[in-house]
């Protein structure tokens, strides 16, 4: 099933064209980075959840070495998502992003892995995938969505941006686990209450 996610369906008429500055702990992240302003893709097509070919996911994950650096983790993500619901985002006939969801129980699900091609960052793809995932999870009766990422106690510019994105769409930091992924990889758990 293909769902067109766009201005009218989302009800956020201005956010696709004029993105407000994100605020986090008294710091501002301007929507113009490196003096390049990116245009949001109006009406990216998101489909799913559905089983998809791992080639799309692997190609996208390997295009993101700033986030996915451990080879065994990339291989494991590609294997894991073969049996998990996955959403794809298309633009001009090409898969430019995906999001895979892990269902923990009747009430809670997790963003297991998400990736957007670097050429399509800051164009609304992640938000479109997240909106479709939330819509689907609410229809299935889920109440909470969580995501895990590198914690702020290990500074990383890329994950700082990732946390700002999730905060901007309603996720809140719940707890940082200093050793869940090992001594040098603190894990931050962020959660969001899903609303029908």
N, C-alpha and C. Protein backbone atom coordinates (compact mmCIF):
# COMPACT_ATOMS: atom_id res chain seq x y z
N UNK A 1 0.85 -1.16 0.00
CA UNK A 1 0.00 0.00 0.00
C UNK A 1 0.90 1.23 0.00
N UNK A 2 0.69 2.15 -0.89
CA UNK A 2 1.47 3.38 -0.95
C UNK A 2 0.66 4.52 -0.34
N UNK A 3 1.27 5.25 0.53
CA UNK A 3 0.61 6.40 1.16
C UNK A 3 1.41 7.63 0.83
N UNK A 4 0.76 8.63 0.29
CA UNK A 4 1.41 9.89 -0.04
C UNK A 4 1.41 10.76 1.20
N UNK A 5 2.58 11.04 1.70
CA UNK A 5 2.69 11.88 2.89
C UNK A 5 3.04 13.28 2.41
N UNK A 6 2.17 14.22 2.67
CA UNK A 6 2.41 15.56 2.17
C UNK A 6 1.78 16.61 3.04
N UNK A 7 1.70 17.78 2.52
CA UNK A 7 1.23 18.91 3.30
C UNK A 7 -0.18 18.71 3.82
N UNK A 8 -1.10 18.28 2.99
CA UNK A 8 -2.48 18.16 3.42
C UNK A 8 -2.68 17.02 4.41
N UNK A 9 -2.05 15.87 4.17
CA UNK A 9 -2.22 14.73 5.06
C UNK A 9 -1.60 14.96 6.42
N UNK A 10 -0.47 15.66 6.45
CA UNK A 10 0.22 15.88 7.71
C UNK A 10 -0.38 17.03 8.51
N UNK A 11 -1.02 17.95 7.82
CA UNK A 11 -1.58 19.10 8.51
C UNK A 11 -0.52 20.05 9.05
N UNK A 12 0.65 20.02 8.47
CA UNK A 12 1.73 20.90 8.90
C UNK A 12 2.18 21.73 7.70
N UNK A 13 1.28 22.52 7.22
CA UNK A 13 1.42 23.24 5.97
C UNK A 13 2.76 23.96 5.79
N UNK A 14 3.30 24.60 6.81
CA UNK A 14 4.51 25.39 6.63
C UNK A 14 5.81 24.64 6.92
N UNK A 15 5.77 23.53 7.61
CA UNK A 15 7.03 22.90 8.01
C UNK A 15 7.79 22.30 6.85
N UNK A 16 7.18 22.06 5.73
CA UNK A 16 7.89 21.50 4.59
C UNK A 16 8.69 22.58 3.86
N UNK A 17 8.27 23.80 3.97
CA UNK A 17 8.95 24.87 3.24
C UNK A 17 9.78 25.73 4.19
N UNK A 18 9.21 26.08 5.31
CA UNK A 18 9.90 26.91 6.28
C UNK A 18 10.10 26.11 7.55
N UNK A 19 11.28 25.57 7.74
CA UNK A 19 11.55 24.74 8.91
C UNK A 19 11.97 25.63 10.06
N UNK A 20 11.26 25.57 11.19
CA UNK A 20 11.65 26.40 12.33
C UNK A 20 12.98 25.93 12.91
N UNK A 21 13.68 26.85 13.56
CA UNK A 21 14.92 26.47 14.23
C UNK A 21 14.61 25.49 15.35
N UNK A 22 15.48 24.53 15.55
CA UNK A 22 15.33 23.56 16.62
C UNK A 22 16.03 24.09 17.86
N UNK A 23 15.45 23.88 19.02
CA UNK A 23 16.05 24.39 20.26
C UNK A 23 16.34 23.21 21.18
N UNK A 24 17.52 23.21 21.74
CA UNK A 24 17.90 22.16 22.67
C UNK A 24 18.87 22.74 23.69
N UNK A 25 18.49 22.74 24.95
CA UNK A 25 19.36 23.19 26.03
C UNK A 25 19.97 24.55 25.73
N UNK A 26 19.13 25.52 25.34
CA UNK A 26 19.52 26.90 25.08
C UNK A 26 20.43 27.07 23.86
N UNK A 27 20.58 26.02 23.06
CA UNK A 27 21.38 26.13 21.85
C UNK A 27 20.43 26.11 20.66
N UNK A 28 20.82 26.77 19.59
CA UNK A 28 20.01 26.81 18.39
C UNK A 28 20.78 26.13 17.26
N UNK A 29 20.07 25.32 16.50
CA UNK A 29 20.64 24.69 15.31
C UNK A 29 19.96 25.32 14.11
N UNK A 30 20.65 26.14 13.37
CA UNK A 30 20.07 26.82 12.22
C UNK A 30 19.81 25.79 11.13
N UNK A 31 18.69 25.96 10.41
CA UNK A 31 18.36 25.02 9.35
C UNK A 31 19.25 25.18 8.12
N UNK A 32 20.14 26.13 8.12
CA UNK A 32 21.13 26.28 7.05
C UNK A 32 22.47 25.85 7.60
N UNK A 33 22.95 24.71 7.15
CA UNK A 33 24.26 24.23 7.59
C UNK A 33 25.23 24.38 6.44
N UNK A 34 26.45 24.77 6.76
CA UNK A 34 27.49 24.97 5.76
C UNK A 34 27.03 25.92 4.66
N UNK A 35 26.21 26.92 5.04
CA UNK A 35 25.71 27.93 4.12
C UNK A 35 24.95 27.35 2.93
N UNK A 36 24.40 26.15 3.08
CA UNK A 36 23.61 25.53 2.03
C UNK A 36 22.21 25.31 2.58
N UNK A 37 21.22 25.90 1.95
CA UNK A 37 19.85 25.69 2.38
C UNK A 37 19.25 24.60 1.49
N UNK A 38 18.66 23.60 2.12
CA UNK A 38 18.09 22.49 1.37
C UNK A 38 16.59 22.65 1.28
N UNK A 39 16.04 22.26 0.17
CA UNK A 39 14.59 22.31 -0.01
C UNK A 39 13.99 20.98 0.44
N UNK A 40 12.86 21.06 1.10
CA UNK A 40 12.15 19.84 1.48
C UNK A 40 11.48 19.26 0.24
N UNK A 41 11.48 17.95 0.17
CA UNK A 41 10.79 17.28 -0.91
C UNK A 41 9.30 17.36 -0.59
N UNK A 42 8.55 17.97 -1.45
CA UNK A 42 7.12 18.06 -1.24
C UNK A 42 6.49 16.75 -1.69
N UNK A 43 5.78 16.13 -0.78
CA UNK A 43 5.08 14.87 -1.04
C UNK A 43 5.99 13.68 -1.33
N UNK A 44 6.94 13.36 -0.46
CA UNK A 44 7.67 12.10 -0.66
C UNK A 44 6.70 10.95 -0.48
N UNK A 45 6.89 9.88 -1.20
CA UNK A 45 6.01 8.72 -1.12
C UNK A 45 6.58 7.73 -0.13
N UNK A 46 5.80 7.39 0.90
CA UNK A 46 6.20 6.40 1.89
C UNK A 46 5.27 5.21 1.76
N UNK A 47 5.85 4.03 1.67
CA UNK A 47 5.02 2.83 1.62
C UNK A 47 5.44 1.87 2.70
N UNK A 48 4.47 1.09 3.16
CA UNK A 48 4.76 0.08 4.15
C UNK A 48 3.86 0.23 5.35
N UNK A 49 4.02 -0.61 6.32
CA UNK A 49 5.14 -1.56 6.43
C UNK A 49 4.99 -2.74 5.48
N UNK A 50 6.11 -3.23 5.01
CA UNK A 50 6.13 -4.33 4.09
C UNK A 50 7.50 -4.98 4.11
N UNK A 51 7.56 -6.24 3.66
CA UNK A 51 8.88 -6.87 3.53
C UNK A 51 9.58 -6.26 2.32
N UNK A 52 10.86 -5.93 2.47
CA UNK A 52 11.58 -5.31 1.36
C UNK A 52 12.92 -6.01 1.15
N UNK A 53 13.49 -5.75 0.01
CA UNK A 53 14.79 -6.34 -0.30
C UNK A 53 15.87 -5.67 0.54
N UNK A 54 16.78 -6.49 1.05
CA UNK A 54 17.83 -5.95 1.91
C UNK A 54 18.82 -5.08 1.14
N UNK A 55 18.84 -5.17 -0.19
CA UNK A 55 19.79 -4.38 -0.97
C UNK A 55 19.57 -2.89 -0.73
N UNK A 56 18.31 -2.44 -0.65
CA UNK A 56 18.04 -1.02 -0.40
C UNK A 56 18.60 -0.61 0.95
N UNK A 57 18.32 -1.40 1.96
CA UNK A 57 18.76 -1.04 3.31
C UNK A 57 20.28 -1.03 3.40
N UNK A 58 20.91 -2.05 2.88
CA UNK A 58 22.36 -2.12 2.97
C UNK A 58 23.02 -0.96 2.23
N UNK A 59 22.51 -0.63 1.05
CA UNK A 59 23.06 0.48 0.27
C UNK A 59 22.95 1.79 1.06
N UNK A 60 21.82 2.00 1.70
CA UNK A 60 21.63 3.24 2.45
C UNK A 60 22.50 3.24 3.70
N UNK A 61 22.55 2.13 4.45
CA UNK A 61 23.38 2.07 5.65
C UNK A 61 24.85 2.33 5.33
N UNK A 62 25.32 1.76 4.23
CA UNK A 62 26.73 1.94 3.87
C UNK A 62 27.03 3.35 3.38
N UNK A 63 25.99 4.11 3.04
CA UNK A 63 26.21 5.50 2.64
C UNK A 63 26.30 6.43 3.85
N UNK A 64 26.17 5.87 5.06
CA UNK A 64 26.16 6.66 6.29
C UNK A 64 27.27 6.24 7.25
N UNK A 65 28.53 6.34 6.84
CA UNK A 65 29.62 5.87 7.71
C UNK A 65 29.77 6.68 8.99
N UNK A 66 29.20 7.88 9.05
CA UNK A 66 29.28 8.68 10.28
C UNK A 66 28.43 8.07 11.39
N UNK A 67 27.42 7.28 11.02
CA UNK A 67 26.54 6.65 12.00
C UNK A 67 26.76 5.14 12.08
N UNK A 68 27.05 4.51 10.97
CA UNK A 68 27.17 3.04 10.94
C UNK A 68 28.60 2.67 10.56
N UNK A 69 29.44 2.44 11.58
CA UNK A 69 30.86 2.21 11.33
C UNK A 69 31.29 0.77 11.61
N UNK A 70 30.52 0.04 12.39
CA UNK A 70 30.91 -1.31 12.77
C UNK A 70 30.32 -2.29 11.76
N UNK A 71 31.20 -2.94 11.01
CA UNK A 71 30.77 -3.83 9.93
C UNK A 71 29.82 -4.92 10.42
N UNK A 72 30.12 -5.52 11.54
CA UNK A 72 29.25 -6.59 12.05
C UNK A 72 27.86 -6.06 12.39
N UNK A 73 27.77 -4.80 12.81
CA UNK A 73 26.47 -4.20 13.10
C UNK A 73 25.67 -3.98 11.83
N UNK A 74 26.32 -3.52 10.77
CA UNK A 74 25.64 -3.33 9.49
C UNK A 74 25.08 -4.66 9.00
N UNK A 75 25.90 -5.69 9.03
CA UNK A 75 25.47 -7.01 8.58
C UNK A 75 24.30 -7.50 9.43
N UNK A 76 24.38 -7.30 10.74
CA UNK A 76 23.30 -7.75 11.63
C UNK A 76 22.01 -6.97 11.37
N UNK A 77 22.10 -5.65 11.16
CA UNK A 77 20.90 -4.85 10.85
C UNK A 77 20.23 -5.38 9.58
N UNK A 78 21.01 -5.67 8.56
CA UNK A 78 20.46 -6.16 7.31
C UNK A 78 19.74 -7.49 7.54
N UNK A 79 20.32 -8.37 8.36
CA UNK A 79 19.67 -9.65 8.68
C UNK A 79 18.42 -9.44 9.52
N UNK A 80 18.53 -8.59 10.56
CA UNK A 80 17.41 -8.37 11.48
C UNK A 80 16.16 -7.88 10.77
N UNK A 81 16.35 -6.95 9.86
CA UNK A 81 15.18 -6.30 9.27
C UNK A 81 14.46 -7.16 8.24
N UNK A 82 15.00 -8.33 7.94
CA UNK A 82 14.31 -9.23 7.02
C UNK A 82 12.97 -9.69 7.59
N UNK A 83 12.84 -9.73 8.91
CA UNK A 83 11.60 -10.20 9.52
C UNK A 83 10.86 -9.12 10.30
N UNK A 84 11.26 -7.87 10.16
CA UNK A 84 10.60 -6.78 10.86
C UNK A 84 9.88 -5.87 9.86
N UNK A 85 8.78 -5.25 10.28
CA UNK A 85 8.08 -4.33 9.38
C UNK A 85 8.98 -3.15 9.00
N UNK A 86 9.00 -2.83 7.72
CA UNK A 86 9.87 -1.79 7.21
C UNK A 86 9.08 -0.84 6.30
N UNK A 87 9.37 0.43 6.43
CA UNK A 87 8.77 1.45 5.58
C UNK A 87 9.86 2.00 4.66
N UNK A 88 9.48 2.27 3.43
CA UNK A 88 10.41 2.82 2.45
C UNK A 88 9.92 4.19 2.01
N UNK A 89 10.85 5.09 1.75
CA UNK A 89 10.51 6.39 1.20
C UNK A 89 11.11 6.49 -0.19
N UNK A 90 10.28 6.83 -1.16
CA UNK A 90 10.70 6.96 -2.55
C UNK A 90 10.70 8.42 -2.96
N UNK A 91 11.63 8.76 -3.82
CA UNK A 91 11.63 10.07 -4.46
C UNK A 91 12.15 9.87 -5.88
N UNK A 92 11.39 10.35 -6.84
CA UNK A 92 11.74 10.19 -8.25
C UNK A 92 12.00 8.73 -8.61
N UNK A 93 11.22 7.82 -8.03
CA UNK A 93 11.33 6.40 -8.36
C UNK A 93 12.45 5.66 -7.66
N UNK A 94 13.20 6.33 -6.79
CA UNK A 94 14.31 5.69 -6.09
C UNK A 94 14.02 5.62 -4.59
N UNK A 95 14.48 4.54 -3.96
CA UNK A 95 14.38 4.44 -2.51
C UNK A 95 15.47 5.33 -1.92
N UNK A 96 15.04 6.32 -1.12
CA UNK A 96 15.99 7.27 -0.54
C UNK A 96 16.07 7.16 0.98
N UNK A 97 15.17 6.35 1.57
CA UNK A 97 15.20 6.18 3.01
C UNK A 97 14.35 5.00 3.44
N UNK A 98 14.62 4.50 4.64
CA UNK A 98 13.83 3.40 5.19
C UNK A 98 13.81 3.51 6.71
N UNK A 99 12.81 2.87 7.30
CA UNK A 99 12.71 2.78 8.75
C UNK A 99 12.15 1.39 9.07
N UNK A 100 12.82 0.71 9.98
CA UNK A 100 12.40 -0.62 10.40
C UNK A 100 11.96 -0.57 11.85
N UNK A 101 10.83 -1.21 12.13
CA UNK A 101 10.21 -1.17 13.45
C UNK A 101 10.30 -2.54 14.12
N UNK A 102 10.70 -2.54 15.38
CA UNK A 102 10.70 -3.76 16.20
C UNK A 102 9.54 -3.64 17.19
N UNK A 103 8.66 -4.64 17.19
CA UNK A 103 7.54 -4.65 18.13
C UNK A 103 7.97 -5.42 19.37
N UNK A 104 7.94 -4.76 20.53
CA UNK A 104 8.37 -5.40 21.77
C UNK A 104 7.23 -6.15 22.46
N UNK A 105 6.06 -5.54 22.50
CA UNK A 105 4.89 -6.17 23.12
C UNK A 105 3.65 -5.50 22.53
N UNK A 106 2.51 -5.66 23.16
CA UNK A 106 1.27 -5.10 22.61
C UNK A 106 1.22 -3.58 22.66
N UNK A 107 2.07 -2.95 23.47
CA UNK A 107 1.97 -1.52 23.70
C UNK A 107 3.19 -0.72 23.24
N UNK A 108 4.32 -1.39 23.08
CA UNK A 108 5.57 -0.68 22.84
C UNK A 108 6.30 -1.21 21.61
N UNK A 109 6.79 -0.27 20.80
CA UNK A 109 7.59 -0.61 19.63
C UNK A 109 8.83 0.27 19.63
N UNK A 110 9.77 -0.08 18.78
CA UNK A 110 11.05 0.64 18.73
C UNK A 110 11.45 0.87 17.28
N UNK A 111 12.05 2.02 17.03
CA UNK A 111 12.69 2.25 15.74
C UNK A 111 13.99 1.46 15.80
N UNK A 112 14.02 0.34 15.13
CA UNK A 112 15.17 -0.55 15.19
C UNK A 112 16.35 0.03 14.41
N UNK A 113 16.07 0.51 13.22
CA UNK A 113 17.11 1.15 12.41
C UNK A 113 16.41 2.05 11.39
N UNK A 114 17.04 3.16 11.11
CA UNK A 114 16.53 4.09 10.11
C UNK A 114 17.71 4.65 9.35
N UNK A 115 17.52 4.89 8.09
CA UNK A 115 18.57 5.48 7.28
C UNK A 115 17.99 6.29 6.13
N UNK A 116 18.61 7.41 5.85
CA UNK A 116 18.24 8.27 4.73
C UNK A 116 19.52 8.61 3.99
N UNK A 117 19.49 8.49 2.68
CA UNK A 117 20.68 8.82 1.90
C UNK A 117 21.17 10.23 2.23
N UNK A 118 22.47 10.42 2.36
CA UNK A 118 23.00 11.74 2.72
C UNK A 118 22.54 12.86 1.79
N UNK A 119 22.35 12.54 0.52
CA UNK A 119 21.89 13.56 -0.44
C UNK A 119 20.46 14.01 -0.16
N UNK A 120 19.75 13.28 0.70
CA UNK A 120 18.36 13.61 1.01
C UNK A 120 18.17 13.99 2.48
N UNK A 121 19.26 14.21 3.21
CA UNK A 121 19.13 14.67 4.59
C UNK A 121 18.49 16.06 4.61
N UNK A 122 17.73 16.31 5.68
CA UNK A 122 17.11 17.62 5.93
C UNK A 122 16.13 18.03 4.84
N UNK A 123 15.47 17.01 4.26
CA UNK A 123 14.46 17.27 3.23
C UNK A 123 13.10 16.70 3.62
N UNK A 124 12.93 16.31 4.87
CA UNK A 124 11.63 15.82 5.32
C UNK A 124 11.44 14.32 5.20
N UNK A 125 12.44 13.59 4.76
CA UNK A 125 12.31 12.14 4.57
C UNK A 125 12.14 11.43 5.92
N UNK A 126 13.00 11.73 6.89
CA UNK A 126 12.89 11.10 8.21
C UNK A 126 11.56 11.38 8.86
N UNK A 127 11.10 12.62 8.76
CA UNK A 127 9.82 12.99 9.35
C UNK A 127 8.67 12.26 8.65
N UNK A 128 8.73 12.14 7.32
CA UNK A 128 7.69 11.42 6.58
C UNK A 128 7.65 9.95 6.99
N UNK A 129 8.83 9.33 7.12
CA UNK A 129 8.88 7.93 7.56
C UNK A 129 8.31 7.79 8.96
N UNK A 130 8.71 8.68 9.86
CA UNK A 130 8.24 8.62 11.23
C UNK A 130 6.73 8.83 11.32
N UNK A 131 6.20 9.79 10.57
CA UNK A 131 4.76 10.02 10.58
C UNK A 131 3.99 8.79 10.13
N UNK A 132 4.46 8.14 9.08
CA UNK A 132 3.78 6.93 8.58
C UNK A 132 3.91 5.80 9.60
N UNK A 133 5.07 5.65 10.22
CA UNK A 133 5.26 4.60 11.23
C UNK A 133 4.32 4.82 12.40
N UNK A 134 4.23 6.06 12.88
CA UNK A 134 3.34 6.36 14.00
C UNK A 134 1.89 6.10 13.64
N UNK A 135 1.49 6.50 12.44
CA UNK A 135 0.12 6.27 11.98
C UNK A 135 -0.20 4.77 12.01
N UNK A 136 0.71 3.97 11.48
CA UNK A 136 0.52 2.52 11.45
C UNK A 136 0.50 1.93 12.85
N UNK A 137 1.45 2.33 13.71
CA UNK A 137 1.51 1.78 15.07
C UNK A 137 0.25 2.13 15.86
N UNK A 138 -0.24 3.35 15.75
CA UNK A 138 -1.48 3.73 16.44
C UNK A 138 -2.63 2.86 15.95
N UNK A 139 -2.71 2.61 14.65
CA UNK A 139 -3.79 1.77 14.10
C UNK A 139 -3.71 0.34 14.62
N UNK A 140 -2.52 -0.08 15.03
CA UNK A 140 -2.32 -1.43 15.58
C UNK A 140 -2.45 -1.46 17.11
N UNK A 141 -2.72 -0.32 17.73
CA UNK A 141 -2.94 -0.26 19.17
C UNK A 141 -1.71 0.03 20.01
N UNK A 142 -0.59 0.36 19.39
CA UNK A 142 0.62 0.67 20.16
C UNK A 142 0.49 2.03 20.83
N UNK A 143 1.09 2.17 22.02
CA UNK A 143 0.99 3.41 22.78
C UNK A 143 2.32 4.14 22.92
N UNK A 144 3.44 3.43 22.77
CA UNK A 144 4.75 4.05 22.96
C UNK A 144 5.69 3.64 21.84
N UNK A 145 6.54 4.59 21.45
CA UNK A 145 7.59 4.32 20.48
C UNK A 145 8.91 4.76 21.10
N UNK A 146 9.92 3.93 20.97
CA UNK A 146 11.22 4.27 21.53
C UNK A 146 12.29 4.18 20.46
N UNK A 147 13.42 4.81 20.76
CA UNK A 147 14.57 4.73 19.88
C UNK A 147 15.81 4.78 20.77
N UNK A 148 16.82 4.02 20.39
CA UNK A 148 18.09 4.02 21.12
C UNK A 148 19.17 4.59 20.22
N UNK A 149 20.09 5.32 20.83
CA UNK A 149 21.20 5.89 20.06
C UNK A 149 22.37 6.16 20.99
N UNK A 150 23.48 6.56 20.41
CA UNK A 150 24.66 6.91 21.19
C UNK A 150 24.30 8.04 22.15
N UNK A 151 24.64 7.86 23.42
CA UNK A 151 24.28 8.83 24.45
C UNK A 151 25.13 10.08 24.43
N UNK A 152 24.61 11.16 25.03
CA UNK A 152 25.33 12.44 25.02
C UNK A 152 26.59 12.46 25.86
N UNK A 153 26.79 11.46 26.73
CA UNK A 153 28.02 11.45 27.52
C UNK A 153 29.24 11.13 26.67
N UNK A 154 29.01 10.67 25.45
CA UNK A 154 30.09 10.51 24.47
C UNK A 154 29.80 11.46 23.32
N UNK A 155 30.38 12.65 23.36
CA UNK A 155 30.06 13.67 22.36
C UNK A 155 30.31 13.18 20.93
N UNK A 156 29.34 13.46 20.08
CA UNK A 156 29.44 13.11 18.67
C UNK A 156 28.52 14.05 17.90
N UNK A 157 29.09 14.82 16.98
CA UNK A 157 28.33 15.82 16.24
C UNK A 157 27.14 15.23 15.50
N UNK A 158 27.32 14.06 14.90
CA UNK A 158 26.23 13.45 14.14
C UNK A 158 25.08 13.00 15.04
N UNK A 159 25.42 12.39 16.16
CA UNK A 159 24.35 11.95 17.07
C UNK A 159 23.74 13.13 17.82
N UNK A 160 24.48 14.23 17.98
CA UNK A 160 23.87 15.44 18.54
C UNK A 160 22.73 15.90 17.61
N UNK A 161 22.97 15.89 16.31
CA UNK A 161 21.94 16.26 15.34
C UNK A 161 20.78 15.27 15.36
N UNK A 162 21.10 13.99 15.51
CA UNK A 162 20.06 12.96 15.56
C UNK A 162 19.16 13.18 16.77
N UNK A 163 19.77 13.45 17.93
CA UNK A 163 18.96 13.70 19.13
C UNK A 163 18.08 14.93 18.95
N UNK A 164 18.61 15.99 18.35
CA UNK A 164 17.82 17.19 18.10
C UNK A 164 16.62 16.87 17.20
N UNK A 165 16.83 16.04 16.19
CA UNK A 165 15.72 15.66 15.32
C UNK A 165 14.63 14.96 16.13
N UNK A 166 15.02 13.95 16.91
CA UNK A 166 14.02 13.20 17.67
C UNK A 166 13.32 14.09 18.70
N UNK A 167 14.04 15.00 19.33
CA UNK A 167 13.40 15.93 20.26
C UNK A 167 12.39 16.81 19.53
N UNK A 168 12.72 17.22 18.32
CA UNK A 168 11.84 18.12 17.56
C UNK A 168 10.53 17.44 17.15
N UNK A 169 10.51 16.12 17.13
CA UNK A 169 9.28 15.40 16.76
C UNK A 169 8.63 14.72 17.95
N UNK A 170 9.00 15.15 19.17
CA UNK A 170 8.26 14.72 20.35
C UNK A 170 8.88 13.64 21.21
N UNK A 171 10.05 13.13 20.87
CA UNK A 171 10.71 12.15 21.72
C UNK A 171 11.36 12.85 22.90
N UNK A 172 11.44 12.15 24.03
CA UNK A 172 12.11 12.68 25.21
C UNK A 172 13.11 11.64 25.72
N UNK A 173 14.25 12.13 26.20
CA UNK A 173 15.26 11.25 26.77
C UNK A 173 14.72 10.63 28.05
N UNK A 174 14.81 9.32 28.15
CA UNK A 174 14.35 8.63 29.34
C UNK A 174 15.51 8.27 30.25
N UNK A 175 16.55 7.66 29.67
CA UNK A 175 17.68 7.24 30.48
C UNK A 175 18.87 6.93 29.58
N UNK A 176 20.06 7.19 30.10
CA UNK A 176 21.28 6.79 29.41
C UNK A 176 21.87 5.59 30.16
N UNK A 177 22.14 4.51 29.42
CA UNK A 177 22.72 3.30 29.99
C UNK A 177 24.20 3.29 29.61
N UNK A 178 25.09 3.51 30.58
CA UNK A 178 26.51 3.69 30.26
C UNK A 178 27.20 2.46 29.67
N UNK A 179 26.71 1.26 29.96
CA UNK A 179 27.43 0.06 29.50
C UNK A 179 26.57 -0.93 28.72
N UNK A 180 25.35 -0.57 28.34
CA UNK A 180 24.47 -1.50 27.62
C UNK A 180 25.12 -2.02 26.35
N UNK A 181 25.79 -1.15 25.61
CA UNK A 181 26.45 -1.54 24.37
C UNK A 181 27.96 -1.68 24.52
N UNK A 182 28.45 -1.63 25.74
CA UNK A 182 29.88 -1.72 25.99
C UNK A 182 30.38 -0.48 26.71
N UNK A 183 31.58 -0.56 27.21
CA UNK A 183 32.15 0.51 28.03
C UNK A 183 32.29 1.85 27.30
N UNK A 184 32.50 1.82 25.98
CA UNK A 184 32.75 3.07 25.25
C UNK A 184 31.55 3.55 24.44
N UNK A 185 30.41 2.84 24.54
CA UNK A 185 29.24 3.21 23.74
C UNK A 185 28.01 3.38 24.63
N UNK A 186 27.87 4.51 25.31
CA UNK A 186 26.69 4.72 26.15
C UNK A 186 25.43 4.78 25.28
N UNK A 187 24.37 4.16 25.76
CA UNK A 187 23.12 4.05 25.01
C UNK A 187 22.08 4.99 25.63
N UNK A 188 21.55 5.89 24.82
CA UNK A 188 20.46 6.77 25.26
C UNK A 188 19.15 6.19 24.79
N UNK A 189 18.19 6.06 25.71
CA UNK A 189 16.84 5.60 25.36
C UNK A 189 15.93 6.83 25.33
N UNK A 190 15.28 7.04 24.18
CA UNK A 190 14.31 8.12 24.02
C UNK A 190 12.94 7.49 23.75
N UNK A 191 11.89 8.11 24.28
CA UNK A 191 10.54 7.57 24.11
C UNK A 191 9.57 8.66 23.68
N UNK A 192 8.49 8.19 23.07
CA UNK A 192 7.42 9.08 22.65
C UNK A 192 6.08 8.39 22.90
N UNK A 193 5.15 9.11 23.49
CA UNK A 193 3.78 8.61 23.67
C UNK A 193 3.05 8.83 22.37
N UNK A 194 2.49 7.76 21.82
CA UNK A 194 1.75 7.84 20.57
C UNK A 194 0.32 8.26 20.86
N UNK A 195 -0.20 9.14 20.05
CA UNK A 195 -1.58 9.60 20.24
C UNK A 195 -2.38 9.32 18.99
N UNK A 196 -3.60 8.80 19.19
CA UNK A 196 -4.47 8.51 18.03
C UNK A 196 -4.91 9.76 17.31
